[in-house]
Protein backbone atom coordinates (compact mmCIF):
# COMPACT_ATOMS: atom_id res chain seq x y z
CA UNK A 1 19.13 -4.27 -3.17
CA UNK A 2 21.52 -2.40 -0.90
CA UNK A 3 19.87 -0.05 1.59
CA UNK A 4 21.80 2.93 2.94
CA UNK A 5 19.34 3.90 5.68
CA UNK A 6 20.70 4.43 9.18
CA UNK A 7 19.29 3.19 12.47
CA UNK A 8 20.88 5.38 15.14
CA UNK A 9 21.84 9.03 15.71
CA UNK A 10 25.47 7.94 15.86
CA UNK A 11 25.27 6.41 12.38
CA UNK A 12 23.53 9.54 11.11
CA UNK A 13 26.32 11.76 12.42
CA UNK A 14 28.84 9.58 10.60
CA UNK A 15 27.12 10.52 7.33
CA UNK A 16 28.49 14.03 7.71
CA UNK A 17 32.00 12.78 7.02
CA UNK A 18 30.99 11.49 3.57
CA UNK A 19 31.89 13.56 0.51
CA UNK A 20 28.95 15.15 -1.26
CA UNK A 21 29.03 12.77 -4.21
CA UNK A 22 28.71 9.67 -2.03
CA UNK A 23 26.17 11.16 0.38
CA UNK A 24 23.89 12.32 -2.42
CA UNK A 25 24.29 9.13 -4.44
CA UNK A 26 23.15 7.07 -1.46
CA UNK A 27 20.26 9.46 -0.75
CA UNK A 28 19.13 9.38 -4.36
CA UNK A 29 19.07 5.57 -4.37
CA UNK A 30 16.95 5.59 -1.21
CA UNK A 31 14.58 8.08 -2.84
CA UNK A 32 14.26 5.88 -5.93
CA UNK A 33 13.52 2.85 -3.75
CA UNK A 34 10.82 4.84 -1.95
CA UNK A 35 9.04 6.56 -4.83
CA UNK A 36 10.86 6.15 -8.13
CA UNK A 37 10.76 9.36 -10.15
CA UNK A 38 7.49 10.65 -8.67
CA UNK A 39 7.21 14.10 -7.13
CA UNK A 40 4.07 14.88 -5.15
CA UNK A 41 2.96 18.51 -5.04
CA UNK A 42 1.11 20.40 -2.35
CA UNK A 43 0.03 24.02 -1.99
CA UNK A 44 -1.35 26.01 0.90
CA UNK A 45 -4.13 28.54 1.35
CA UNK A 46 -3.47 31.06 4.10
CA UNK A 47 -7.01 31.20 5.51
CA UNK A 48 -6.28 33.46 8.53
CA UNK A 49 -3.07 35.43 8.94
CA UNK A 50 -1.16 37.29 11.64
CA UNK A 51 -1.95 38.37 15.22
CA UNK A 52 -0.66 35.06 16.60
CA UNK A 53 -0.07 34.86 20.35
CA UNK A 54 2.88 32.47 19.96
CA UNK A 55 6.34 34.09 20.07
CA UNK A 56 8.18 31.86 17.57
CA UNK A 57 11.37 33.80 16.82
CA UNK A 58 11.31 32.99 13.10
CA UNK A 59 7.68 33.91 12.40
CA UNK A 60 6.40 37.11 10.83
CA UNK A 61 2.84 36.35 12.03
CA UNK A 62 3.59 36.62 15.74
CA UNK A 63 2.19 39.70 17.46
CA UNK A 64 5.28 39.59 19.69
CA UNK A 65 7.41 40.55 16.67
CA UNK A 66 7.18 44.11 15.27
CA UNK A 67 6.87 42.98 11.66
CA UNK A 68 5.50 45.53 9.16
CA UNK A 69 3.03 43.05 7.72
CA UNK A 70 -0.75 43.20 7.82
CA UNK A 71 -2.70 40.15 8.91
CA UNK A 72 -6.28 39.37 7.96
CA UNK A 73 -9.26 37.57 9.51
CA UNK A 74 -10.65 34.27 8.26
CA UNK A 75 -11.35 34.41 4.54
CA UNK A 76 -14.94 34.76 3.47
CA UNK A 77 -16.59 31.43 2.68
CA UNK A 78 -17.03 32.15 -1.03
CA UNK A 79 -13.40 33.18 -1.42
CA UNK A 80 -12.06 30.14 0.43
CA UNK A 81 -14.29 27.73 -1.47
CA UNK A 82 -13.22 29.25 -4.79
CA UNK A 83 -9.52 28.92 -3.93
CA UNK A 84 -9.89 25.31 -2.82
CA UNK A 85 -11.77 24.30 -5.96
CA UNK A 86 -9.28 26.14 -8.19
CA UNK A 87 -6.36 24.23 -6.69
CA UNK A 88 -8.32 20.98 -7.02
CA UNK A 89 -8.21 21.46 -10.81
CA UNK A 90 -4.40 21.45 -10.86
CA UNK A 91 -1.82 18.66 -10.48
CA UNK A 92 -1.43 19.65 -6.82
CA UNK A 93 -2.21 16.52 -4.80
CA UNK A 94 -2.67 18.02 -1.33
CA UNK A 95 -4.31 21.36 -0.46
CA UNK A 96 -3.37 22.78 2.93
CA UNK A 97 -5.66 25.10 4.89
CA UNK A 98 -3.45 27.09 7.28
CA UNK A 99 -4.78 29.32 10.07
CA UNK A 100 -2.56 31.49 12.24
CA UNK A 101 -2.80 31.42 16.02
CA UNK A 102 -2.34 28.90 18.80
CA UNK A 103 -5.52 27.07 17.75
CA UNK A 104 -8.45 27.59 15.41
CA UNK A 105 -11.56 27.79 17.58
CA UNK A 106 -14.92 29.43 18.06
CA UNK A 107 -16.95 30.53 15.06
CA UNK A 108 -13.88 30.45 12.79
CA UNK A 109 -13.52 26.72 13.48
CA UNK A 110 -17.23 26.11 12.91
CA UNK A 111 -17.24 28.07 9.64
CA UNK A 112 -14.33 26.15 8.19
CA UNK A 113 -15.83 22.78 9.07
CA UNK A 114 -19.20 23.74 7.56
CA UNK A 115 -17.50 24.86 4.36
CA UNK A 116 -15.37 21.71 4.11
CA UNK A 117 -18.32 19.41 4.76
CA UNK A 118 -20.14 20.96 1.77
CA UNK A 119 -17.25 20.29 -0.64
CA UNK A 120 -17.24 17.28 -3.00
CA UNK A 121 -15.89 14.17 -1.25
CA UNK A 122 -13.00 13.85 -3.70
CA UNK A 123 -11.85 17.36 -2.80
CA UNK A 124 -12.26 16.88 0.95
CA UNK A 125 -9.98 13.84 0.74
CA UNK A 126 -7.16 16.02 -0.60
CA UNK A 127 -7.33 18.58 2.21
CA UNK A 128 -4.79 19.05 4.98
CA UNK A 129 -5.58 21.12 8.06
CA UNK A 130 -3.07 23.26 9.93
CA UNK A 131 -5.24 24.57 12.75
CA UNK A 132 -2.80 24.57 15.65
CA UNK A 133 -3.09 22.95 19.05
CA UNK A 134 -6.54 21.32 18.90
CA UNK A 135 -7.93 19.19 21.70
CA UNK A 136 -9.23 15.65 21.20
CA UNK A 137 -12.81 16.72 20.49
CA UNK A 138 -11.96 19.27 17.81
CA UNK A 139 -9.36 16.96 16.26
CA UNK A 140 -12.02 14.25 15.93
CA UNK A 141 -14.36 16.75 14.28
CA UNK A 142 -11.67 17.68 11.76
CA UNK A 143 -11.38 14.02 10.79
CA UNK A 144 -15.17 13.56 10.72
CA UNK A 145 -15.71 16.42 8.26
CA UNK A 146 -13.64 14.63 5.62
CA UNK A 147 -10.20 16.22 6.03
CA UNK A 148 -7.65 13.41 5.84
CA UNK A 149 -4.35 14.91 6.98
CA UNK A 150 -3.18 17.21 9.76
CA UNK A 151 -0.09 19.39 9.58
CA UNK A 152 1.73 20.35 12.76
CA UNK A 153 5.50 20.82 12.72
CA UNK A 154 7.74 20.05 15.69
CA UNK A 155 10.05 22.78 14.28
CA UNK A 156 13.30 21.55 15.85
CA UNK A 157 14.63 19.21 18.53
CA UNK A 158 13.18 19.08 22.03
CA UNK A 159 16.46 20.43 23.37
CA UNK A 160 16.65 23.45 21.06
CA UNK A 161 12.98 24.41 20.94
CA UNK A 162 13.12 26.68 24.05
CA UNK A 163 15.62 28.84 22.14
CA UNK A 164 13.01 29.68 19.49
CA UNK A 165 9.68 29.73 21.35
CA UNK A 166 8.67 30.38 24.96
CA UNK A 167 4.87 30.49 24.73
CA UNK A 168 4.44 26.74 24.42
CA UNK A 169 6.52 23.68 25.15
CA UNK A 170 7.90 21.28 22.57
CA UNK A 171 6.01 18.49 24.34
CA UNK A 172 2.76 20.29 23.54
CA UNK A 173 3.63 20.28 19.86
CA UNK A 174 4.43 16.57 19.98
CA UNK A 175 1.20 15.83 21.87
CA UNK A 176 -0.83 17.68 19.22
CA UNK A 177 0.79 15.54 16.55
CA UNK A 178 -0.14 12.42 18.50
CA UNK A 179 -3.74 13.61 18.91
CA UNK A 180 -4.01 13.99 15.14
CA UNK A 181 -2.82 10.43 14.67
CA UNK A 182 -5.20 9.16 17.37
CA UNK A 183 -8.08 10.82 15.51
CA UNK A 184 -7.21 8.77 12.42
CA UNK A 185 -5.62 11.64 10.51
CA UNK A 186 -2.48 11.16 8.46
CA UNK A 187 0.25 13.35 9.97
CA UNK A 188 2.39 15.88 8.10
CA UNK A 189 5.13 16.91 10.50
CA UNK A 190 8.63 18.32 10.07
CA UNK A 191 10.64 21.37 10.96
CA UNK A 192 12.61 24.44 10.01
CA UNK A 193 16.38 24.65 9.69
CA UNK A 194 18.83 27.50 9.96
CA UNK A 195 17.61 28.71 13.36
CA UNK A 196 21.03 28.23 14.93
CA UNK A 197 20.48 24.57 15.72
CA UNK A 198 23.27 21.98 15.56
CA UNK A 199 23.47 18.85 13.45
CA UNK A 200 22.69 16.91 16.60
CA UNK A 201 19.44 18.88 16.88
CA UNK A 202 18.54 18.12 13.27
CA UNK A 203 19.21 14.43 13.68
CA UNK A 204 17.28 14.35 16.95
CA UNK A 205 14.26 15.83 15.15
CA UNK A 206 14.54 13.27 12.36
CA UNK A 207 14.59 10.36 14.80
CA UNK A 208 11.61 11.78 16.71
CA UNK A 209 9.67 11.85 13.44
CA UNK A 210 10.78 8.29 12.79
CA UNK A 211 9.57 7.21 16.23
CA UNK A 212 6.20 8.88 15.58
CA UNK A 213 5.89 7.00 12.29
CA UNK A 214 5.57 10.21 10.26
CA UNK A 215 5.41 9.56 6.51
CA UNK A 216 5.00 13.15 5.30
CA UNK A 217 7.85 15.44 6.34
CA UNK A 218 8.03 19.12 5.35
CA UNK A 219 11.54 20.55 5.41
CA UNK A 220 11.70 24.35 5.67
CA UNK A 221 14.73 26.63 5.57
CA UNK A 222 14.74 29.92 7.46
CA UNK A 223 14.01 32.98 5.33
CA UNK A 224 14.90 35.75 7.82
CA UNK A 225 12.13 38.33 8.19
CA UNK A 226 12.62 41.95 9.25
CA UNK A 227 11.23 42.56 12.72
CA UNK A 228 11.68 39.00 13.98
CA UNK A 229 14.37 38.01 16.51
CA UNK A 230 16.07 35.96 13.78
CA UNK A 231 16.08 38.80 11.24
CA UNK A 232 19.89 38.92 11.20
CA UNK A 233 20.41 35.16 11.09
CA UNK A 234 22.56 34.19 8.11
CA UNK A 235 20.55 31.92 5.77
CA UNK A 236 21.84 28.41 5.21
CA UNK A 237 24.00 27.77 2.19
CA UNK A 238 22.55 25.64 -0.59
CA UNK A 239 25.18 23.02 0.21
CA UNK A 240 24.10 22.66 3.82
CA UNK A 241 20.41 22.58 2.91
CA UNK A 242 21.03 19.77 0.42
CA UNK A 243 22.99 17.82 3.02
CA UNK A 244 20.09 18.21 5.48
CA UNK A 245 17.76 16.67 2.89
CA UNK A 246 20.18 13.81 2.26
CA UNK A 247 20.63 13.00 5.95
CA UNK A 248 16.86 13.04 6.52
CA UNK A 249 16.45 10.64 3.58
CA UNK A 250 18.85 8.20 5.26
CA UNK A 251 16.91 8.38 8.54
CA UNK A 252 13.44 8.37 6.96
CA UNK A 253 13.98 6.25 3.83
CA UNK A 254 10.31 5.72 3.00
CA UNK A 255 8.96 9.18 3.79
CA UNK A 256 7.76 11.91 1.48
CA UNK A 257 10.38 14.59 2.08
CA UNK A 258 8.64 17.80 1.04
CA UNK A 259 10.76 20.90 0.42
CA UNK A 260 8.82 23.95 1.52
CA UNK A 261 9.56 27.42 2.87
CA UNK A 262 12.87 29.09 2.08
CA UNK A 263 13.48 27.02 -1.05
CA UNK A 264 13.94 29.94 -3.50
CA UNK A 265 16.15 31.95 -1.13
CA UNK A 266 18.40 29.17 0.13
CA UNK A 267 18.68 26.94 -2.93
CA UNK A 268 18.27 29.46 -5.75
CA UNK A 269 19.52 27.98 -9.02
CA UNK A 270 20.32 24.70 -7.27
CA UNK A 271 16.70 23.80 -6.59
CA UNK A 272 16.85 20.95 -9.09
CA UNK A 273 19.46 19.22 -6.91
CA UNK A 274 16.92 18.49 -4.19
CA UNK A 275 15.91 15.30 -6.00
CA UNK A 276 19.43 13.93 -6.15
CA UNK A 277 19.69 14.82 -2.44
CA UNK A 278 16.67 12.64 -1.70
CA UNK A 279 13.57 14.87 -1.84
CA UNK A 280 10.44 13.56 -3.52
CA UNK A 281 7.81 16.22 -2.79
CA UNK A 282 7.43 19.99 -3.11
CA UNK A 283 5.26 22.78 -1.84
CA UNK A 284 4.48 24.94 -4.84
CA UNK A 285 3.22 28.51 -4.94
CA UNK A 286 3.66 31.10 -2.20
CA UNK A 287 4.31 30.31 1.46
CA UNK A 288 2.62 31.97 4.43
CA UNK A 289 4.69 35.15 4.54
CA UNK A 290 7.21 34.79 1.69
CA UNK A 291 7.02 34.23 -2.04
CA UNK A 292 7.55 30.80 -3.59
CA UNK A 293 7.78 29.44 -7.10
CA UNK A 294 4.83 29.29 -9.48
CA UNK A 295 3.22 25.95 -10.31
CA UNK A 296 4.23 26.45 -13.95
CA UNK A 297 7.89 26.94 -13.02
CA UNK A 298 7.88 24.00 -10.61
CA UNK A 299 6.37 21.68 -13.23
CA UNK A 300 9.10 22.78 -15.66
CA UNK A 301 11.79 22.17 -13.02
CA UNK A 302 10.44 18.68 -12.28
CA UNK A 303 10.37 17.75 -15.95
CA UNK A 304 13.87 19.12 -16.56
CA UNK A 305 15.17 16.91 -13.74
CA UNK A 306 13.66 13.78 -15.29
CA UNK A 307 11.00 13.53 -12.59
CA UNK A 308 7.23 13.37 -12.97
CA UNK A 309 4.06 14.38 -11.14
CA UNK A 310 1.71 11.40 -10.81
CA UNK A 311 -1.97 11.82 -11.60
CA UNK A 312 -4.11 11.92 -8.48
CA UNK A 313 -7.41 10.07 -8.29
């Protein structure tokens, strides 16, 4: 078996000189070695939205950005429980609970943990938490309640991060990811592309994820939102997005590369090509502030591409 994975940023940059056919062929072989024809699905539940004190330039939930979009407080327990259990009846393997803000705390944190603890064990084991910058004690409590994975993106490289957020440091994001791992949680950690970053920034992010041992990597593509500082940023082309996926597959050959936000806008009719570019996981349904693809349409896309969704336990 010939492996096409790369071991240094310099080797990764050399991939950019390859023609599409060769780059994607190599990425697809790496994907097949990692997971065959399987595609793992996740979906998120936006449990608390907007009014975030962070000033991320791409985010419509930041109160620093004059976005004409209403937020909402933490969902009522009955509503959240119903949405979790409904998703648990679908082929979606992982169910993400996402709360806006720097960190979920206070009574909101306590309510969510009480609700999760009361869920069936099989459902709790499929939950991912995206609760922001938790300290060691709260991270340990997340793990103790039965949640098995924590989501916290690094967003971009350490060098470029100050260009897109000033209210926290990149090191703080990395340290949160490490705290999740120290608490025994599986880590879902990736970034967003199309912010104005260079290829060197993208490759730097990929190697940081590799160094952290991340096995679940969400790849998002900027969907510019009115009212944000990046509202006028030109979206990536489908070609560049596919090449990002392929390069990440070479750097992270065994990871689940999950294509998330921005997929409909950036890839459009070329969404099926993500698998030949090396992706093996999808976020289905709507994203936090933009529309996604329906589960029905994503299942049809996966089948049409000769891929399959494995049955979860």
